[in-house]
Amino acid sequence: MIYSMFVRIFLLILLFMGKNVESSTGGGPKTYREVRMHKLAQASRMIGAVGSSISISAEIVSASPTAVSSSSETLASFYAQYPYQKPSDILPFIFNNARKGDTSAVIKAMDLFHNNYPMYNLSPVKAGLLSREVREVSKLQNVEGRQRILELGSFFGYSALHIAMSMGEQCELTMVEGSVENADVARQVLAYGLPTETLKRINLVRSLSSRALQRPGALLLEPPASSKCLQFHDLDSTPEDYYGNNQADGQFSLIFLDHDKESYAPDLKKLLELNLVAPDCTVVADNIIFPGAPGYLEIVQGPGWATRIVSMPFERIGFETQFKEKEDAMSISVRRP
């Protein structure tokens, strides 16, 4: 038992020690897949050298940006069955490993897929912090009798699943995603992973945030009473006058920023200018340390805001981090006019 624990710790150190792995031809770093396979093989050889034979089981490590991998053979089988070359490649893995409507199972499947293919998603620990803030906001009452939540940067819908699971029945979620391919995956992920009663309170807007904020009427649409699915709007294919005078009627009680980092500051300023930020709104922002959001903290650490910074590791280990764990943080800012 003790030896097994030692082996697992040893493998974790090898997997994430942070050294670039040079290719056998002397070139640059290998792909992330090759790096992980190389380190697992190296670990197995080193353990074998001391006369031990083990098998490494796949498991998720809670509150960690990545997880312990399976054996080299299992990883090879996974990569062969589920290649990741385009956004929609994640869908077969989700459909094969989670039941429709089981949100927790869909989240777990996405975690497993992300463990082997690092991508732009929240880590489980960051998702937990976001979910806690959503639950707190859901307890509040306002004159509208509802709570509106805005997410800028949805990627494949991972964080939206966490928000949807945590928000109260009076909450509505608007997601904004700039990529056509990512938005299509997010739409399918949410349609598969959420119950109808939750799904019909979600509005997915396919647009760059800067363009969406020029047409704020699209952000606060009323869901049709008979709706049984999420609303989807592609602003690039929607007539300019479709949303009336483009004036938004309502405010957001919680805003989550996880899109282009250089857009955090100008987008928050625009939201304030449009009067879309409720007086007691909570704004959660990811990656404020790495890679950083220029000018953003100067706003939310200034007058009219109460901000706390929560340090936690960056969610991916790969080329951009030189295969080392990077320190990052999320900010939680409450507006205090």
Protein backbone atom coordinates (compact mmCIF):
# COMPACT_ATOMS: atom_id res chain seq x y z
CA MET A 1 0.00 0.00 0.00
CA ILE A 2 2.73 2.43 1.04
CA TYR A 3 4.85 1.37 -1.90
CA SER A 4 1.95 1.89 -4.29
CA MET A 5 1.45 5.42 -2.96
CA PHE A 6 5.17 6.09 -3.37
CA VAL A 7 5.03 4.92 -6.97
CA ARG A 8 2.09 7.19 -7.78
CA ILE A 9 3.87 10.19 -6.26
CA PHE A 10 6.99 9.27 -8.19
CA LEU A 11 5.03 9.13 -11.45
CA LEU A 12 3.41 12.48 -10.79
CA ILE A 13 6.83 14.04 -10.28
CA LEU A 14 8.08 12.52 -13.53
CA LEU A 15 4.98 13.52 -15.47
CA PHE A 16 5.01 17.13 -14.37
CA MET A 17 8.65 17.84 -13.52
CA GLY A 18 8.52 20.58 -16.14
CA LYS A 19 11.40 19.66 -18.45
CA ASN A 20 11.04 19.91 -22.21
CA VAL A 21 11.48 16.58 -23.93
CA GLU A 22 13.69 16.88 -26.99
CA SER A 23 12.88 14.74 -30.00
CA SER A 24 15.13 11.84 -30.89
CA THR A 25 16.33 13.79 -33.91
CA GLY A 26 17.54 16.63 -31.71
CA GLY A 27 14.79 19.05 -32.73
CA GLY A 28 12.36 21.04 -30.61
CA PRO A 29 9.87 19.75 -28.04
CA LYS A 30 7.55 16.94 -29.07
CA THR A 31 3.78 17.18 -29.09
CA TYR A 32 2.06 17.03 -25.70
CA ARG A 33 0.88 13.49 -26.51
CA GLU A 34 4.43 12.36 -27.27
CA VAL A 35 5.75 14.04 -24.12
CA ARG A 36 3.30 12.22 -21.88
CA MET A 37 3.93 8.86 -23.57
CA HIS A 38 7.69 9.41 -23.28
CA LYS A 39 7.51 10.24 -19.57
CA LEU A 40 5.26 7.28 -18.80
CA ALA A 41 7.60 4.91 -20.62
CA GLN A 42 10.57 6.45 -18.82
CA ALA A 43 8.83 6.06 -15.48
CA SER A 44 8.01 2.42 -16.17
CA ARG A 45 11.63 1.68 -17.07
CA MET A 46 12.94 3.38 -13.93
CA ILE A 47 10.51 1.53 -11.69
CA GLY A 48 11.36 -1.73 -13.45
CA ALA A 49 15.04 -1.13 -12.78
CA VAL A 50 14.45 -1.57 -9.05
CA GLY A 51 12.65 -4.87 -9.63
CA SER A 52 9.05 -3.69 -9.36
CA SER A 53 6.14 -4.19 -11.68
CA ILE A 54 3.06 -1.96 -11.45
CA SER A 55 0.06 -0.88 -13.45
CA ILE A 56 -1.10 2.71 -13.42
CA SER A 57 -4.84 3.19 -13.26
CA ALA A 58 -6.56 6.23 -14.73
CA GLU A 59 -8.05 8.58 -12.16
CA ILE A 60 -8.93 12.22 -11.72
CA VAL A 61 -7.04 14.08 -9.03
CA SER A 62 -9.37 16.64 -7.47
CA ALA A 63 -8.22 20.26 -7.49
CA SER A 64 -5.35 19.53 -9.88
CA PRO A 65 -4.92 21.08 -13.34
CA THR A 66 -4.20 17.67 -14.82
CA ALA A 67 -4.61 14.08 -13.71
CA VAL A 68 -2.59 10.93 -13.36
CA SER A 69 -2.51 9.20 -16.72
CA SER A 70 -3.13 5.55 -17.41
CA SER A 71 -0.50 3.11 -18.59
CA SER A 72 1.31 3.68 -21.87
CA GLU A 73 -0.78 0.96 -23.50
CA THR A 74 -4.06 2.48 -22.32
CA LEU A 75 -2.99 5.94 -23.43
CA ALA A 76 -2.04 4.64 -26.85
CA SER A 77 -5.47 3.03 -27.16
CA PHE A 78 -7.17 6.26 -26.08
CA TYR A 79 -5.27 8.38 -28.61
CA ALA A 80 -6.00 5.88 -31.39
CA GLN A 81 -9.73 5.80 -30.62
CA TYR A 82 -10.17 9.50 -29.88
CA PRO A 83 -7.84 11.68 -31.97
CA TYR A 84 -8.20 15.39 -31.32
CA GLN A 85 -7.74 17.41 -34.49
CA LYS A 86 -10.82 19.65 -34.49
CA PRO A 87 -13.22 20.92 -31.79
CA SER A 88 -15.98 18.40 -32.52
CA ASP A 89 -13.60 15.48 -31.84
CA ILE A 90 -14.45 15.75 -28.14
CA LEU A 91 -18.10 14.86 -28.77
CA PRO A 92 -17.77 11.10 -29.42
CA PHE A 93 -15.87 10.69 -26.16
CA ILE A 94 -18.60 12.53 -24.23
CA PHE A 95 -21.40 10.61 -25.91
CA ASN A 96 -19.67 7.28 -25.24
CA ASN A 97 -18.82 7.99 -21.61
CA ALA A 98 -21.78 9.91 -20.19
CA ARG A 99 -25.53 9.47 -20.21
CA LYS A 100 -27.67 12.14 -21.81
CA GLY A 101 -28.95 14.58 -19.22
CA ASP A 102 -26.40 13.55 -16.59
CA THR A 103 -24.56 16.84 -16.16
CA SER A 104 -22.03 15.53 -13.63
CA ALA A 105 -21.14 12.61 -15.90
CA VAL A 106 -20.66 14.93 -18.89
CA ILE A 107 -18.37 17.16 -16.80
CA LYS A 108 -16.37 14.12 -15.69
CA ALA A 109 -16.04 12.92 -19.30
CA MET A 110 -14.77 16.35 -20.34
CA ASP A 111 -12.28 16.32 -17.46
CA LEU A 112 -10.96 12.95 -18.60
CA PHE A 113 -10.63 14.13 -22.19
CA HIS A 114 -8.93 17.35 -21.12
CA ASN A 115 -6.44 15.41 -19.01
CA ASN A 116 -4.98 13.88 -22.17
CA TYR A 117 -5.51 16.83 -24.50
CA PRO A 118 -4.75 20.12 -22.71
CA MET A 119 -7.10 22.84 -23.90
CA TYR A 120 -8.62 26.14 -22.89
CA ASN A 121 -10.98 25.10 -20.13
CA LEU A 122 -11.26 25.75 -16.43
CA SER A 123 -9.57 23.34 -14.06
CA PRO A 124 -11.90 21.56 -11.64
CA VAL A 125 -10.71 23.76 -8.76
CA LYS A 126 -11.40 26.96 -10.72
CA ALA A 127 -14.78 25.61 -11.78
CA GLY A 128 -15.54 24.97 -8.12
CA LEU A 129 -14.79 28.57 -7.22
CA LEU A 130 -16.98 29.85 -10.06
CA SER A 131 -19.82 27.53 -9.03
CA ARG A 132 -19.65 28.83 -5.47
CA GLU A 133 -20.02 32.41 -6.65
CA VAL A 134 -22.98 31.43 -8.84
CA ARG A 135 -24.69 29.80 -5.87
CA GLU A 136 -24.15 32.91 -3.75
CA VAL A 137 -25.59 35.19 -6.42
CA SER A 138 -28.53 32.83 -6.87
CA LYS A 139 -29.54 33.51 -3.26
CA LEU A 140 -29.94 37.24 -3.87
CA GLN A 141 -33.23 38.91 -4.71
CA ASN A 142 -33.64 41.84 -7.08
CA VAL A 143 -36.47 43.94 -8.45
CA GLU A 144 -36.64 41.87 -11.64
CA GLY A 145 -37.31 38.68 -9.72
CA ARG A 146 -34.55 36.97 -11.71
CA GLN A 147 -30.81 36.73 -11.84
CA ARG A 148 -29.04 37.16 -15.17
CA ILE A 149 -25.60 35.67 -15.72
CA LEU A 150 -23.23 36.54 -18.58
CA GLU A 151 -20.32 34.40 -19.72
CA LEU A 152 -17.84 35.87 -22.20
CA GLY A 153 -15.79 33.04 -23.69
CA SER A 154 -17.55 29.67 -23.57
CA PHE A 155 -15.19 27.39 -25.53
CA PHE A 156 -16.82 23.92 -25.40
CA GLY A 157 -19.37 24.74 -22.70
CA TYR A 158 -17.47 23.27 -19.73
CA SER A 159 -17.80 26.31 -17.48
CA ALA A 160 -21.38 26.83 -18.66
CA LEU A 161 -22.23 23.33 -17.42
CA HIS A 162 -20.88 24.24 -13.99
CA ILE A 163 -22.80 27.53 -13.99
CA ALA A 164 -26.02 25.83 -15.10
CA MET A 165 -25.70 23.18 -12.38
CA SER A 166 -25.20 25.85 -9.71
CA MET A 167 -27.66 28.57 -10.71
CA GLY A 168 -31.12 28.80 -9.20
CA GLU A 169 -34.42 28.39 -11.02
CA GLN A 170 -34.77 32.17 -11.35
CA CYS A 171 -31.43 32.47 -13.17
CA GLU A 172 -30.83 32.87 -16.88
CA LEU A 173 -27.46 32.40 -18.57
CA THR A 174 -26.19 34.18 -21.66
CA MET A 175 -23.06 32.70 -23.26
CA VAL A 176 -20.95 34.54 -25.84
CA GLU A 177 -18.46 32.55 -27.94
CA GLY A 178 -16.55 33.94 -30.91
CA SER A 179 -15.58 30.72 -32.68
CA VAL A 180 -18.16 29.09 -34.97
CA GLU A 181 -16.73 25.62 -34.33
CA ASN A 182 -16.49 26.07 -30.56
CA ALA A 183 -20.01 27.48 -30.34
CA ASP A 184 -21.39 24.49 -32.23
CA VAL A 185 -19.64 22.08 -29.87
CA ALA A 186 -20.85 24.03 -26.82
CA ARG A 187 -24.41 23.92 -28.12
CA GLN A 188 -24.24 20.14 -28.53
CA VAL A 189 -22.54 19.62 -25.17
CA LEU A 190 -25.21 21.62 -23.33
CA ALA A 191 -28.06 20.01 -25.24
CA TYR A 192 -26.68 16.60 -24.29
CA GLY A 193 -25.70 17.39 -20.71
CA LEU A 194 -28.52 19.54 -19.31
CA PRO A 195 -32.17 18.86 -18.50
CA THR A 196 -34.77 20.74 -20.54
CA GLU A 197 -35.87 22.93 -17.63
CA THR A 198 -32.35 24.32 -17.35
CA LEU A 199 -31.57 24.36 -21.06
CA LYS A 200 -34.46 26.66 -21.95
CA ARG A 201 -32.99 29.37 -19.67
CA ILE A 202 -29.75 29.56 -21.67
CA ASN A 203 -29.00 31.92 -24.54
CA LEU A 204 -25.90 31.15 -26.66
CA VAL A 205 -24.69 34.05 -28.79
CA ARG A 206 -22.12 33.24 -31.48
CA SER A 207 -20.13 36.44 -31.78
CA LEU A 208 -16.95 38.16 -30.75
CA SER A 209 -17.58 39.97 -27.49
CA SER A 210 -16.84 43.38 -29.02
CA ARG A 211 -19.49 42.83 -31.68
CA ALA A 212 -22.01 41.43 -29.21
CA LEU A 213 -21.64 44.53 -27.05
CA GLN A 214 -22.52 46.65 -30.07
CA ARG A 215 -25.84 44.78 -30.19
CA PRO A 216 -26.66 44.36 -26.50
CA GLY A 217 -30.29 43.54 -27.26
CA ALA A 218 -29.09 40.04 -28.17
CA LEU A 219 -27.71 39.49 -24.68
CA LEU A 220 -30.96 39.85 -22.74
CA LEU A 221 -33.54 38.10 -24.88
CA GLU A 222 -36.60 36.67 -23.17
CA PRO A 223 -36.81 32.89 -23.66
CA PRO A 224 -40.06 31.85 -25.39
CA ALA A 225 -42.57 30.38 -22.92
CA SER A 226 -42.81 27.21 -25.00
CA SER A 227 -39.06 26.82 -25.43
CA LYS A 228 -37.61 23.37 -24.81
CA CYS A 229 -34.06 24.06 -25.87
CA LEU A 230 -31.43 26.74 -25.53
CA GLN A 231 -31.68 29.82 -27.73
CA PHE A 232 -28.94 30.19 -30.32
CA HIS A 233 -28.12 33.39 -32.20
CA ASP A 234 -25.33 33.89 -34.71
CA LEU A 235 -24.86 37.64 -34.93
CA ASP A 236 -22.90 37.40 -38.18
CA SER A 237 -25.94 35.92 -39.92
CA THR A 238 -28.60 38.01 -38.18
CA PRO A 239 -29.90 41.27 -39.70
CA GLU A 240 -28.72 44.40 -37.91
CA ASP A 241 -32.27 45.42 -36.99
CA TYR A 242 -33.31 41.97 -35.72
CA TYR A 243 -32.93 42.98 -32.07
CA GLY A 244 -34.96 46.17 -32.41
CA ASN A 245 -33.13 49.29 -31.33
CA ASN A 246 -30.40 47.15 -29.75
CA GLN A 247 -31.13 48.60 -26.34
CA ALA A 248 -30.77 46.11 -23.51
CA ASP A 249 -33.50 45.93 -20.89
CA GLY A 250 -32.01 44.43 -17.76
CA GLN A 251 -28.72 43.94 -15.93
CA PHE A 252 -26.39 41.09 -15.11
CA SER A 253 -25.96 39.92 -11.53
CA LEU A 254 -22.87 37.85 -12.33
CA ILE A 255 -20.37 38.14 -15.18
CA PHE A 256 -17.69 35.56 -15.94
CA LEU A 257 -14.76 36.64 -18.10
CA ASP A 258 -12.74 33.88 -19.78
CA HIS A 259 -12.29 35.08 -23.35
CA ASP A 260 -9.53 37.12 -24.99
CA LYS A 261 -7.51 38.45 -22.07
CA GLU A 262 -6.84 41.81 -23.70
CA SER A 263 -10.60 42.28 -24.01
CA TYR A 264 -11.35 42.00 -20.29
CA ALA A 265 -10.79 45.69 -19.51
CA PRO A 266 -12.48 47.25 -22.58
CA ASP A 267 -15.42 44.82 -22.40
CA LEU A 268 -16.07 45.52 -18.72
CA LYS A 269 -15.92 49.26 -19.43
CA LYS A 270 -18.43 48.80 -22.26
CA LEU A 271 -20.75 46.73 -20.06
CA LEU A 272 -20.67 49.51 -17.46
CA GLU A 273 -21.29 52.14 -20.12
CA LEU A 274 -24.33 50.19 -21.36
CA ASN A 275 -25.65 49.95 -17.79
CA LEU A 276 -25.62 46.15 -18.01
CA VAL A 277 -23.75 45.69 -14.71
CA ALA A 278 -26.07 45.47 -11.71
CA PRO A 279 -25.15 47.61 -8.66
CA ASP A 280 -24.12 44.53 -6.65
CA CYS A 281 -22.86 42.49 -9.61
CA THR A 282 -20.13 39.91 -9.06
CA VAL A 283 -17.50 39.72 -11.81
CA VAL A 284 -15.31 36.61 -11.89
CA ALA A 285 -12.25 36.73 -14.15
CA ASP A 286 -9.87 33.88 -14.97
CA ASN A 287 -6.16 34.00 -15.91
CA ILE A 288 -5.46 37.41 -14.40
CA ILE A 289 -1.86 36.40 -13.60
CA PHE A 290 -1.01 34.03 -16.44
CA PRO A 291 -1.22 34.97 -19.22
CA GLY A 292 -2.65 38.13 -17.63
CA ALA A 293 -5.34 40.67 -18.53
CA PRO A 294 -3.82 44.10 -19.29
CA GLY A 295 -5.54 46.95 -17.47
CA TYR A 296 -8.24 44.81 -15.90
CA LEU A 297 -7.11 44.75 -12.27
CA GLU A 298 -6.65 48.52 -12.35
CA ILE A 299 -10.42 48.76 -12.88
CA VAL A 300 -11.69 46.24 -10.35
CA GLN A 301 -9.18 47.24 -7.68
CA GLY A 302 -10.21 50.87 -8.04
CA PRO A 303 -13.06 52.87 -6.50
CA GLY A 304 -16.48 51.26 -6.61
CA TRP A 305 -15.26 47.67 -6.40
CA ALA A 306 -14.38 45.16 -3.69
CA THR A 307 -11.97 42.60 -5.16
CA ARG A 308 -10.24 39.55 -3.82
CA ILE A 309 -7.62 37.49 -5.65
CA VAL A 310 -7.56 33.71 -5.33
CA SER A 311 -4.26 32.11 -6.33
CA MET A 312 -4.30 28.71 -8.01
CA PRO A 313 -2.30 26.92 -10.72
CA PHE A 314 -2.81 27.62 -14.39
CA GLU A 315 -5.05 24.90 -15.81
CA ARG A 316 -2.73 23.55 -18.48
CA ILE A 317 0.81 22.24 -18.60
CA GLY A 318 2.22 22.40 -22.10
CA PHE A 319 4.36 24.35 -24.54
CA GLU A 320 3.07 27.75 -23.38
CA THR A 321 4.14 26.93 -19.80
CA GLN A 322 7.34 25.13 -20.87
CA PHE A 323 5.82 21.98 -19.35
CA LYS A 324 5.97 23.53 -15.88
CA GLU A 325 3.16 24.39 -13.52
CA LYS A 326 2.44 28.11 -13.74
CA GLU A 327 0.99 30.17 -10.93
CA ASP A 328 -2.25 31.89 -11.88
CA ALA A 329 -5.25 33.43 -10.13
CA MET A 330 -8.90 34.28 -10.47
CA SER A 331 -10.37 37.55 -9.28
CA ILE A 332 -13.79 37.92 -7.67
CA SER A 333 -15.00 41.52 -7.79
CA VAL A 334 -18.24 42.85 -6.33
CA ARG A 335 -19.47 46.19 -7.56
CA ARG A 336 -19.97 48.76 -4.81
CA PRO A 337 -21.25 51.98 -6.46
